């Protein structure tokens, strides 16, 4: 039997947390600790400039299919 799973992109996943995390915490007090909130904040900030995202594009070197960095 093959499983047909639909993938949810990370932005949709993050939006679900933004929309429902507060009410979830109110119903489940054990998730109200600062350490739990720090993990959620890190997950929600992942991939943003505010969280330190830095993307470097390196042009392909002649004769190679992938880019490279020359030190």
C-alpha atoms as a PDB file:
ATOM      1  CA  UNK A   1       0.000   0.000   0.000  1.00  0.00           C
ATOM      2  CA  UNK A   2       1.502   3.329  -1.068  1.00  0.00           C
ATOM      3  CA  UNK A   3       1.100   6.370   1.135  1.00  0.00           C
ATOM      4  CA  UNK A   4       0.338   9.602  -0.646  1.00  0.00           C
ATOM      5  CA  UNK A   5       1.488  12.377   1.699  1.00  0.00           C
ATOM      6  CA  UNK A   6       0.977  15.994   0.881  1.00  0.00           C
ATOM      7  CA  UNK A   7       3.921  18.146   1.887  1.00  0.00           C
ATOM      8  CA  UNK A   8       3.284  21.350   3.806  1.00  0.00           C
ATOM      9  CA  UNK A   9       5.784  24.099   3.127  1.00  0.00           C
ATOM     10  CA  UNK A  10       7.601  25.681   6.061  1.00  0.00           C
ATOM     11  CA  UNK A  11       5.721  28.994   5.740  1.00  0.00           C
ATOM     12  CA  UNK A  12       2.366  27.220   6.153  1.00  0.00           C
ATOM     13  CA  UNK A  13       3.737  25.295   9.128  1.00  0.00           C
ATOM     14  CA  UNK A  14       4.979  28.511  10.744  1.00  0.00           C
ATOM     15  CA  UNK A  15       1.645  30.240  10.145  1.00  0.00           C
ATOM     16  CA  UNK A  16      -0.164  27.410  11.915  1.00  0.00           C
ATOM     17  CA  UNK A  17       2.072  27.999  14.940  1.00  0.00           C
ATOM     18  CA  UNK A  18       1.556  31.771  14.821  1.00  0.00           C
ATOM     19  CA  UNK A  19      -2.217  31.346  14.682  1.00  0.00           C
ATOM     20  CA  UNK A  20      -2.580  28.633  17.329  1.00  0.00           C
ATOM     21  CA  UNK A  21       0.415  28.698  19.686  1.00  0.00           C
ATOM     22  CA  UNK A  22      -1.095  31.165  22.201  1.00  0.00           C
ATOM     23  CA  UNK A  23      -4.377  29.296  22.660  1.00  0.00           C
ATOM     24  CA  UNK A  24      -2.475  25.985  22.813  1.00  0.00           C
ATOM     25  CA  UNK A  25      -0.259  27.319  25.612  1.00  0.00           C
ATOM     26  CA  UNK A  26      -3.315  28.518  27.553  1.00  0.00           C
ATOM     27  CA  UNK A  27      -4.857  25.036  27.413  1.00  0.00           C
ATOM     28  CA  UNK A  28      -1.563  23.272  28.198  1.00  0.00           C
ATOM     29  CA  UNK A  29       0.283  25.240  30.932  1.00  0.00           C
ATOM     30  CA  UNK A  30       3.318  22.930  30.872  1.00  0.00           C
ATOM     31  CA  UNK A  31       4.270  24.583  27.558  1.00  0.00           C
ATOM     32  CA  UNK A  32       4.345  28.092  29.046  1.00  0.00           C
ATOM     33  CA  UNK A  33       7.990  27.966  30.148  1.00  0.00           C
ATOM     34  CA  UNK A  34      10.578  30.383  28.763  1.00  0.00           C
ATOM     35  CA  UNK A  35      12.682  27.516  27.426  1.00  0.00           C
ATOM     36  CA  UNK A  36       9.745  26.234  25.334  1.00  0.00           C
ATOM     37  CA  UNK A  37       8.964  29.727  24.048  1.00  0.00           C
ATOM     38  CA  UNK A  38      12.632  30.193  23.094  1.00  0.00           C
ATOM     39  CA  UNK A  39      12.495  27.074  20.914  1.00  0.00           C
ATOM     40  CA  UNK A  40       9.262  28.227  19.238  1.00  0.00           C
ATOM     41  CA  UNK A  41      10.674  31.722  18.663  1.00  0.00           C
ATOM     42  CA  UNK A  42      13.786  30.205  17.102  1.00  0.00           C
ATOM     43  CA  UNK A  43      11.682  28.028  14.794  1.00  0.00           C
ATOM     44  CA  UNK A  44       9.475  30.944  13.754  1.00  0.00           C
ATOM     45  CA  UNK A  45      12.502  33.154  13.114  1.00  0.00           C
ATOM     46  CA  UNK A  46      14.378  30.542  11.114  1.00  0.00           C
ATOM     47  CA  UNK A  47      15.186  31.777   7.624  1.00  0.00           C
ATOM     48  CA  UNK A  48      14.764  35.482   8.405  1.00  0.00           C
ATOM     49  CA  UNK A  49      17.324  38.266   8.327  1.00  0.00           C
ATOM     50  CA  UNK A  50      16.416  39.141  11.918  1.00  0.00           C
ATOM     51  CA  UNK A  51      17.535  35.654  12.980  1.00  0.00           C
ATOM     52  CA  UNK A  52      20.816  35.966  11.110  1.00  0.00           C
ATOM     53  CA  UNK A  53      20.023  34.494   7.701  1.00  0.00           C
ATOM     54  CA  UNK A  54      22.821  35.218   5.284  1.00  0.00           C
ATOM     55  CA  UNK A  55      22.780  33.832   1.760  1.00  0.00           C
ATOM     56  CA  UNK A  56      25.928  33.826  -0.354  1.00  0.00           C
ATOM     57  CA  UNK A  57      25.803  33.166  -4.066  1.00  0.00           C
ATOM     58  CA  UNK A  58      29.013  31.998  -5.686  1.00  0.00           C
ATOM     59  CA  UNK A  59      29.251  32.065  -9.473  1.00  0.00           C
ATOM     60  CA  UNK A  60      30.232  28.838 -11.202  1.00  0.00           C
ATOM     61  CA  UNK A  61      33.896  28.437 -12.004  1.00  0.00           C
ATOM     62  CA  UNK A  62      34.802  27.949 -15.672  1.00  0.00           C
ATOM     63  CA  UNK A  63      34.679  24.259 -16.594  1.00  0.00           C
ATOM     64  CA  UNK A  64      32.718  23.212 -13.498  1.00  0.00           C
ATOM     65  CA  UNK A  65      29.020  22.551 -12.995  1.00  0.00           C
ATOM     66  CA  UNK A  66      28.923  23.924  -9.437  1.00  0.00           C
ATOM     67  CA  UNK A  67      30.246  27.066  -7.877  1.00  0.00           C
ATOM     68  CA  UNK A  68      33.267  27.156  -5.637  1.00  0.00           C
ATOM     69  CA  UNK A  69      35.003  29.435  -3.176  1.00  0.00           C
ATOM     70  CA  UNK A  70      38.623  30.295  -3.679  1.00  0.00           C
ATOM     71  CA  UNK A  71      40.531  31.136  -0.494  1.00  0.00           C
END
